Amino acid sequence: MVNIMPVSELKNYGKVLDTVGPENPVFLTKNGYGKYVVIDLADYEAFEKFTKSKQLAQILNQAEKSGTRPLSEVAAELLK
């Protein structure tokens, strides 16, 4: 179920936070348009891992297409 609330609901933030759970974010609107998302910490950590994995896959794909790259260059990109 999609949970959408106006940002003004944050006046009673406890109510908003009570509705947030794993795989159950709360979308906050401002002036009728989507503006913010409140998500569970586990969901955020999973998103971060996904993002890092996607970046790594792109770097490896680039390296495969271009041949070889210096280790220092690859390490610098991975450590960003």
PDB file of N, CA and C in Angstrom:
ATOM      1  N   MET A   1       0.839  -1.183   0.000  1.00  0.00           N
ATOM      2  CA  MET A   1       0.000   0.000   0.000  1.00  0.00           C
ATOM      3  C   MET A   1       0.881   1.243   0.000  1.00  0.00           C
ATOM      4  N   VAL A   2       0.584   2.180  -0.869  1.00  0.00           N
ATOM      5  CA  VAL A   2       1.327   3.432  -0.941  1.00  0.00           C
ATOM      6  C   VAL A   2       0.797   4.365   0.144  1.00  0.00           C
ATOM      7  N   ASN A   3       1.711   4.925   0.915  1.00  0.00           N
ATOM      8  CA  ASN A   3       1.347   5.802   2.021  1.00  0.00           C
ATOM      9  C   ASN A   3       1.792   7.222   1.679  1.00  0.00           C
ATOM     10  N   ILE A   4       0.834   8.086   1.353  1.00  0.00           N
ATOM     11  CA  ILE A   4       1.113   9.466   0.956  1.00  0.00           C
ATOM     12  C   ILE A   4       0.456  10.410   1.952  1.00  0.00           C
ATOM     13  N   MET A   5       1.249  11.365   2.430  1.00  0.00           N
ATOM     14  CA  MET A   5       0.741  12.343   3.404  1.00  0.00           C
ATOM     15  C   MET A   5       1.276  13.727   3.057  1.00  0.00           C
ATOM     16  N   PRO A   6       0.531  14.767   3.402  1.00  0.00           N
ATOM     17  CA  PRO A   6       1.091  16.108   3.234  1.00  0.00           C
ATOM     18  C   PRO A   6       2.176  16.350   4.281  1.00  0.00           C
ATOM     19  N   VAL A   7       3.168  17.156   3.932  1.00  0.00           N
ATOM     20  CA  VAL A   7       4.273  17.436   4.841  1.00  0.00           C
ATOM     21  C   VAL A   7       3.772  18.058   6.150  1.00  0.00           C
ATOM     22  N   SER A   8       2.623  18.690   6.120  1.00  0.00           N
ATOM     23  CA  SER A   8       2.060  19.282   7.336  1.00  0.00           C
ATOM     24  C   SER A   8       1.772  18.233   8.404  1.00  0.00           C
ATOM     25  N   GLU A   9       1.655  16.966   8.009  1.00  0.00           N
ATOM     26  CA  GLU A   9       1.440  15.887   8.977  1.00  0.00           C
ATOM     27  C   GLU A   9       2.624  15.728   9.918  1.00  0.00           C
ATOM     28  N   LEU A  10       3.778  16.302   9.563  1.00  0.00           N
ATOM     29  CA  LEU A  10       4.953  16.186  10.423  1.00  0.00           C
ATOM     30  C   LEU A  10       4.791  16.954  11.731  1.00  0.00           C
ATOM     31  N   LYS A  11       3.743  17.772  11.816  1.00  0.00           N
ATOM     32  CA  LYS A  11       3.458  18.426  13.100  1.00  0.00           C
ATOM     33  C   LYS A  11       3.265  17.366  14.164  1.00  0.00           C
ATOM     34  N   ASN A  12       2.709  16.232  13.756  1.00  0.00           N
ATOM     35  CA  ASN A  12       2.555  15.082  14.634  1.00  0.00           C
ATOM     36  C   ASN A  12       3.447  13.969  14.074  1.00  0.00           C
ATOM     37  N   TYR A  13       4.771  14.199  14.158  1.00  0.00           N
ATOM     38  CA  TYR A  13       5.712  13.294  13.511  1.00  0.00           C
ATOM     39  C   TYR A  13       5.647  11.863  14.036  1.00  0.00           C
ATOM     40  N   GLY A  14       5.224  11.691  15.265  1.00  0.00           N
ATOM     41  CA  GLY A  14       5.094  10.346  15.825  1.00  0.00           C
ATOM     42  C   GLY A  14       4.112   9.506  15.025  1.00  0.00           C
ATOM     43  N   LYS A  15       3.018  10.123  14.618  1.00  0.00           N
ATOM     44  CA  LYS A  15       2.014   9.435  13.804  1.00  0.00           C
ATOM     45  C   LYS A  15       2.598   9.018  12.468  1.00  0.00           C
ATOM     46  N   VAL A  16       3.385   9.910  11.864  1.00  0.00           N
ATOM     47  CA  VAL A  16       4.005   9.616  10.571  1.00  0.00           C
ATOM     48  C   VAL A  16       5.013   8.484  10.731  1.00  0.00           C
ATOM     49  N   LEU A  17       5.876   8.585  11.737  1.00  0.00           N
ATOM     50  CA  LEU A  17       6.908   7.574  11.946  1.00  0.00           C
ATOM     51  C   LEU A  17       6.324   6.206  12.286  1.00  0.00           C
ATOM     52  N   ASP A  18       5.179   6.192  12.947  1.00  0.00           N
ATOM     53  CA  ASP A  18       4.537   4.916  13.268  1.00  0.00           C
ATOM     54  C   ASP A  18       4.084   4.165  12.021  1.00  0.00           C
ATOM     55  N   THR A  19       3.875   4.880  10.924  1.00  0.00           N
ATOM     56  CA  THR A  19       3.405   4.230   9.698  1.00  0.00           C
ATOM     57  C   THR A  19       4.561   3.762   8.813  1.00  0.00           C
ATOM     58  N   VAL A  20       5.790   4.199   9.124  1.00  0.00           N
ATOM     59  CA  VAL A  20       6.962   3.787   8.349  1.00  0.00           C
ATOM     60  C   VAL A  20       7.410   2.412   8.818  1.00  0.00           C
ATOM     61  N   GLY A  21       7.727   1.553   7.871  1.00  0.00           N
ATOM     62  CA  GLY A  21       8.229   0.234   8.213  1.00  0.00           C
ATOM     63  C   GLY A  21       9.014  -0.334   7.059  1.00  0.00           C
ATOM     64  N   PRO A  22       9.613  -1.508   7.269  1.00  0.00           N
ATOM     65  CA  PRO A  22      10.325  -2.132   6.154  1.00  0.00           C
ATOM     66  C   PRO A  22       9.400  -2.286   4.948  1.00  0.00           C
ATOM     67  N   GLU A  23       9.887  -1.853   3.816  1.00  0.00           N
ATOM     68  CA  GLU A  23       9.135  -1.894   2.558  1.00  0.00           C
ATOM     69  C   GLU A  23       7.810  -1.134   2.635  1.00  0.00           C
ATOM     70  N   ASN A  24       7.739  -0.160   3.543  1.00  0.00           N
ATOM     71  CA  ASN A  24       6.536   0.669   3.695  1.00  0.00           C
ATOM     72  C   ASN A  24       6.944   2.125   3.938  1.00  0.00           C
ATOM     73  N   PRO A  25       7.463   2.796   2.896  1.00  0.00           N
ATOM     74  CA  PRO A  25       7.864   4.194   3.069  1.00  0.00           C
ATOM     75  C   PRO A  25       6.660   5.122   3.137  1.00  0.00           C
ATOM     76  N   VAL A  26       6.898   6.319   3.621  1.00  0.00           N
ATOM     77  CA  VAL A  26       5.874   7.358   3.630  1.00  0.00           C
ATOM     78  C   VAL A  26       6.336   8.448   2.664  1.00  0.00           C
ATOM     79  N   PHE A  27       5.494   8.763   1.692  1.00  0.00           N
ATOM     80  CA  PHE A  27       5.777   9.819   0.729  1.00  0.00           C
ATOM     81  C   PHE A  27       5.110  11.087   1.227  1.00  0.00           C
ATOM     82  N   LEU A  28       5.903  12.148   1.359  1.00  0.00           N
ATOM     83  CA  LEU A  28       5.379  13.425   1.836  1.00  0.00           C
ATOM     84  C   LEU A  28       5.251  14.397   0.671  1.00  0.00           C
ATOM     85  N   THR A  29       4.117  15.075   0.632  1.00  0.00           N
ATOM     86  CA  THR A  29       3.871  16.035  -0.438  1.00  0.00           C
ATOM     87  C   THR A  29       3.935  17.456   0.114  1.00  0.00           C
ATOM     88  N   LYS A  30       4.297  18.379  -0.773  1.00  0.00           N
ATOM     89  CA  LYS A  30       4.299  19.802  -0.432  1.00  0.00           C
ATOM     90  C   LYS A  30       3.589  20.511  -1.566  1.00  0.00           C
ATOM     91  N   ASN A  31       2.540  21.235  -1.237  1.00  0.00           N
ATOM     92  CA  ASN A  31       1.708  21.915  -2.236  1.00  0.00           C
ATOM     93  C   ASN A  31       1.172  20.940  -3.277  1.00  0.00           C
ATOM     94  N   GLY A  32       0.866  19.734  -2.837  1.00  0.00           N
ATOM     95  CA  GLY A  32       0.262  18.738  -3.713  1.00  0.00           C
ATOM     96  C   GLY A  32       1.228  17.936  -4.574  1.00  0.00           C
ATOM     97  N   TYR A  33       2.518  18.188  -4.432  1.00  0.00           N
ATOM     98  CA  TYR A  33       3.520  17.486  -5.233  1.00  0.00           C
ATOM     99  C   TYR A  33       4.456  16.685  -4.335  1.00  0.00           C
ATOM    100  N   GLY A  34       4.900  15.541  -4.820  1.00  0.00           N
ATOM    101  CA  GLY A  34       5.839  14.723  -4.068  1.00  0.00           C
ATOM    102  C   GLY A  34       7.115  15.494  -3.776  1.00  0.00           C
ATOM    103  N   LYS A  35       7.569  15.442  -2.526  1.00  0.00           N
ATOM    104  CA  LYS A  35       8.752  16.217  -2.138  1.00  0.00           C
ATOM    105  C   LYS A  35       9.759  15.379  -1.346  1.00  0.00           C
ATOM    106  N   TYR A  36       9.286  14.544  -0.407  1.00  0.00           N
ATOM    107  CA  TYR A  36      10.172  13.803   0.486  1.00  0.00           C
ATOM    108  C   TYR A  36       9.680  12.368   0.633  1.00  0.00           C
ATOM    109  N   VAL A  37      10.621  11.502   1.069  1.00  0.00           N
ATOM    110  CA  VAL A  37      10.272  10.123   1.391  1.00  0.00           C
ATOM    111  C   VAL A  37      10.914   9.791   2.721  1.00  0.00           C
ATOM    112  N   VAL A  38      10.149   9.208   3.627  1.00  0.00           N
ATOM    113  CA  VAL A  38      10.679   8.730   4.898  1.00  0.00           C
ATOM    114  C   VAL A  38      10.692   7.209   4.798  1.00  0.00           C
ATOM    115  N   ILE A  39      11.903   6.631   4.956  1.00  0.00           N
ATOM    116  CA  ILE A  39      12.024   5.181   4.823  1.00  0.00           C
ATOM    117  C   ILE A  39      12.659   4.566   6.061  1.00  0.00           C
ATOM    118  N   ASP A  40      12.437   3.283   6.209  1.00  0.00           N
ATOM    119  CA  ASP A  40      13.018   2.501   7.279  1.00  0.00           C
ATOM    120  C   ASP A  40      14.534   2.416   7.072  1.00  0.00           C
ATOM    121  N   LEU A  41      15.302   2.390   8.140  1.00  0.00           N
ATOM    122  CA  LEU A  41      16.756   2.354   8.050  1.00  0.00           C
ATOM    123  C   LEU A  41      17.243   1.125   7.279  1.00  0.00           C
ATOM    124  N   ALA A  42      16.621  -0.018   7.471  1.00  0.00           N
ATOM    125  CA  ALA A  42      17.021  -1.226   6.744  1.00  0.00           C
ATOM    126  C   ALA A  42      16.828  -1.041   5.241  1.00  0.00           C
ATOM    127  N   ASP A  43      15.751  -0.384   4.843  1.00  0.00           N
ATOM    128  CA  ASP A  43      15.519  -0.105   3.427  1.00  0.00           C
ATOM    129  C   ASP A  43      16.586   0.842   2.880  1.00  0.00           C
ATOM    130  N   TYR A  44      16.970   1.838   3.678  1.00  0.00           N
ATOM    131  CA  TYR A  44      17.999   2.775   3.252  1.00  0.00           C
ATOM    132  C   TYR A  44      19.337   2.059   3.067  1.00  0.00           C
ATOM    133  N   GLU A  45      19.688   1.199   4.008  1.00  0.00           N
ATOM    134  CA  GLU A  45      20.943   0.454   3.909  1.00  0.00           C
ATOM    135  C   GLU A  45      20.944  -0.451   2.678  1.00  0.00           C
ATOM    136  N   ALA A  46      19.823  -1.078   2.387  1.00  0.00           N
ATOM    137  CA  ALA A  46      19.714  -1.921   1.194  1.00  0.00           C
ATOM    138  C   ALA A  46      19.866  -1.073  -0.066  1.00  0.00           C
ATOM    139  N   PHE A  47      19.272   0.109  -0.070  1.00  0.00           N
ATOM    140  CA  PHE A  47      19.397   1.028  -1.200  1.00  0.00           C
ATOM    141  C   PHE A  47      20.855   1.439  -1.403  1.00  0.00           C
ATOM    142  N   GLU A  48      21.552   1.739  -0.324  1.00  0.00           N
ATOM    143  CA  GLU A  48      22.960   2.127  -0.401  1.00  0.00           C
ATOM    144  C   GLU A  48      23.798   0.985  -0.986  1.00  0.00           C
ATOM    145  N   LYS A  49      23.548  -0.238  -0.532  1.00  0.00           N
ATOM    146  CA  LYS A  49      24.282  -1.397  -1.067  1.00  0.00           C
ATOM    147  C   LYS A  49      23.999  -1.563  -2.554  1.00  0.00           C
ATOM    148  N   PHE A  50      22.749  -1.401  -2.947  1.00  0.00           N
ATOM    149  CA  PHE A  50      22.375  -1.503  -4.352  1.00  0.00           C
ATOM    150  C   PHE A  50      23.087  -0.444  -5.182  1.00  0.00           C
ATOM    151  N   THR A  51      23.110   0.779  -4.684  1.00  0.00           N
ATOM    152  CA  THR A  51      23.755   1.882  -5.391  1.00  0.00           C
ATOM    153  C   THR A  51      25.247   1.609  -5.567  1.00  0.00           C
ATOM    154  N   LYS A  52      25.902   1.165  -4.500  1.00  0.00           N
ATOM    155  CA  LYS A  52      27.333   0.866  -4.578  1.00  0.00           C
ATOM    156  C   LYS A  52      27.584  -0.277  -5.556  1.00  0.00           C
ATOM    157  N   SER A  53      26.739  -1.301  -5.542  1.00  0.00           N
ATOM    158  CA  SER A  53      26.886  -2.432  -6.462  1.00  0.00           C
ATOM    159  C   SER A  53      26.714  -1.985  -7.904  1.00  0.00           C
ATOM    160  N   LYS A  54      25.749  -1.109  -8.134  1.00  0.00           N
ATOM    161  CA  LYS A  54      25.513  -0.597  -9.483  1.00  0.00           C
ATOM    162  C   LYS A  54      26.719   0.203  -9.969  1.00  0.00           C
ATOM    163  N   GLN A  55      27.280   1.038  -9.091  1.00  0.00           N
ATOM    164  CA  GLN A  55      28.455   1.824  -9.455  1.00  0.00           C
ATOM    165  C   GLN A  55      29.631   0.901  -9.776  1.00  0.00           C
ATOM    166  N   LEU A  56      29.820  -0.116  -8.964  1.00  0.00           N
ATOM    167  CA  LEU A  56      30.907  -1.063  -9.195  1.00  0.00           C
ATOM    168  C   LEU A  56      30.724  -1.767 -10.537  1.00  0.00           C
ATOM    169  N   ALA A  57      29.507  -2.178 -10.846  1.00  0.00           N
ATOM    170  CA  ALA A  57      29.229  -2.843 -12.119  1.00  0.00           C
ATOM    171  C   ALA A  57      29.541  -1.911 -13.288  1.00  0.00           C
ATOM    172  N   GLN A  58      29.208  -0.625 -13.171  1.00  0.00           N
ATOM    173  CA  GLN A  58      29.500   0.341 -14.231  1.00  0.00           C
ATOM    174  C   GLN A  58      31.006   0.519 -14.417  1.00  0.00           C
ATOM    175  N   ILE A  59      31.734   0.588 -13.309  1.00  0.00           N
ATOM    176  CA  ILE A  59      33.187   0.738 -13.375  1.00  0.00           C
ATOM    177  C   ILE A  59      33.811  -0.488 -14.042  1.00  0.00           C
ATOM    178  N   LEU A  60      33.363  -1.673 -13.638  1.00  0.00           N
ATOM    179  CA  LEU A  60      33.897  -2.900 -14.223  1.00  0.00           C
ATOM    180  C   LEU A  60      33.548  -3.001 -15.708  1.00  0.00           C
ATOM    181  N   ASN A  61      32.348  -2.580 -16.060  1.00  0.00           N
ATOM    182  CA  ASN A  61      31.928  -2.590 -17.458  1.00  0.00           C
ATOM    183  C   ASN A  61      32.800  -1.636 -18.286  1.00  0.00           C
ATOM    184  N   GLN A  62      33.062  -0.450 -17.740  1.00  0.00           N
ATOM    185  CA  GLN A  62      33.933   0.515 -18.418  1.00  0.00           C
ATOM    186  C   GLN A  62      35.333  -0.061 -18.606  1.00  0.00           C
ATOM    187  N   ALA A  63      35.852  -0.689 -17.565  1.00  0.00           N
ATOM    188  CA  ALA A  63      37.191  -1.267 -17.632  1.00  0.00           C
ATOM    189  C   ALA A  63      37.246  -2.371 -18.674  1.00  0.00           C
ATOM    190  N   GLU A  64      36.208  -3.172 -18.738  1.00  0.00           N
ATOM    191  CA  GLU A  64      36.166  -4.264 -19.711  1.00  0.00           C
ATOM    192  C   GLU A  64      36.152  -3.716 -21.137  1.00  0.00           C
ATOM    193  N   LYS A  65      35.384  -2.655 -21.363  1.00  0.00           N
ATOM    194  CA  LYS A  65      35.282  -2.069 -22.699  1.00  0.00           C
ATOM    195  C   LYS A  65      36.574  -1.366 -23.124  1.00  0.00           C
ATOM    196  N   SER A  66      37.234  -0.711 -22.183  1.00  0.00           N
ATOM    197  CA  SER A  66      38.405   0.085 -22.532  1.00  0.00           C
ATOM    198  C   SER A  66      39.710  -0.693 -22.442  1.00  0.00           C
ATOM    199  N   GLY A  67      39.654  -1.905 -22.026  1.00  0.00           N
ATOM    200  CA  GLY A  67      40.880  -2.686 -21.892  1.00  0.00           C
ATOM    201  C   GLY A  67      41.359  -2.653 -20.467  1.00  0.00           C
ATOM    202  N   THR A  68      42.496  -2.052 -20.250  1.00  0.00           N
ATOM    203  CA  THR A  68      43.044  -2.022 -18.889  1.00  0.00           C
ATOM    204  C   THR A  68      43.062  -0.590 -18.370  1.00  0.00           C
ATOM    205  N   ARG A  69      43.074  -0.494 -17.047  1.00  0.00           N
ATOM    206  CA  ARG A  69      43.162   0.798 -16.378  1.00  0.00           C
ATOM    207  C   ARG A  69      44.136   0.648 -15.220  1.00  0.00           C
ATOM    208  N   PRO A  70      44.824   1.700 -14.870  1.00  0.00           N
ATOM    209  CA  PRO A  70      45.734   1.626 -13.730  1.00  0.00           C
ATOM    210  C   PRO A  70      44.961   1.312 -12.444  1.00  0.00           C
ATOM    211  N   LEU A  71      45.550   0.472 -11.609  1.00  0.00           N
ATOM    212  CA  LEU A  71      44.908   0.086 -10.352  1.00  0.00           C
ATOM    213  C   LEU A  71      44.583   1.304  -9.500  1.00  0.00           C
ATOM    214  N   SER A  72      45.454   2.294  -9.471  1.00  0.00           N
ATOM    215  CA  SER A  72      45.222   3.491  -8.650  1.00  0.00           C
ATOM    216  C   SER A  72      43.967   4.234  -9.103  1.00  0.00           C
ATOM    217  N   GLU A  73      43.709   4.254 -10.402  1.00  0.00           N
ATOM    218  CA  GLU A  73      42.513   4.917 -10.935  1.00  0.00           C
ATOM    219  C   GLU A  73      41.247   4.172 -10.527  1.00  0.00           C
ATOM    220  N   VAL A  74      41.274   2.860 -10.650  1.00  0.00           N
ATOM    221  CA  VAL A  74      40.116   2.047 -10.267  1.00  0.00           C
ATOM    222  C   VAL A  74      39.869   2.161  -8.764  1.00  0.00           C
ATOM    223  N   ALA A  75      40.933   2.075  -7.969  1.00  0.00           N
ATOM    224  CA  ALA A  75      40.796   2.190  -6.513  1.00  0.00           C
ATOM    225  C   ALA A  75      40.222   3.544  -6.123  1.00  0.00           C
ATOM    226  N   ALA A  76      40.650   4.613  -6.775  1.00  0.00           N
ATOM    227  CA  ALA A  76      40.136   5.957  -6.474  1.00  0.00           C
ATOM    228  C   ALA A  76      38.644   6.037  -6.749  1.00  0.00           C
ATOM    229  N   GLU A  77      38.187   5.433  -7.842  1.00  0.00           N
ATOM    230  CA  GLU A  77      36.755   5.453  -8.161  1.00  0.00           C
ATOM    231  C   GLU A  77      35.965   4.637  -7.168  1.00  0.00           C
ATOM    232  N   LEU A  78      36.504   3.500  -6.750  1.00  0.00           N
ATOM    233  CA  LEU A  78      35.791   2.638  -5.801  1.00  0.00           C
ATOM    234  C   LEU A  78      35.686   3.272  -4.428  1.00  0.00           C
ATOM    235  N   LEU A  79      36.665   4.074  -4.055  1.00  0.00           N
ATOM    236  CA  LEU A  79      36.684   4.665  -2.721  1.00  0.00           C
ATOM    237  C   LEU A  79      35.941   5.985  -2.622  1.00  0.00           C
ATOM    238  N   LYS A  80      35.348   6.449  -3.723  1.00  0.00           N
ATOM    239  CA  LYS A  80      34.563   7.704  -3.701  1.00  0.00           C
ATOM    240  C   LYS A  80      33.416   7.585  -2.749  1.00  0.00           C
TER     241      LYS A  80
END
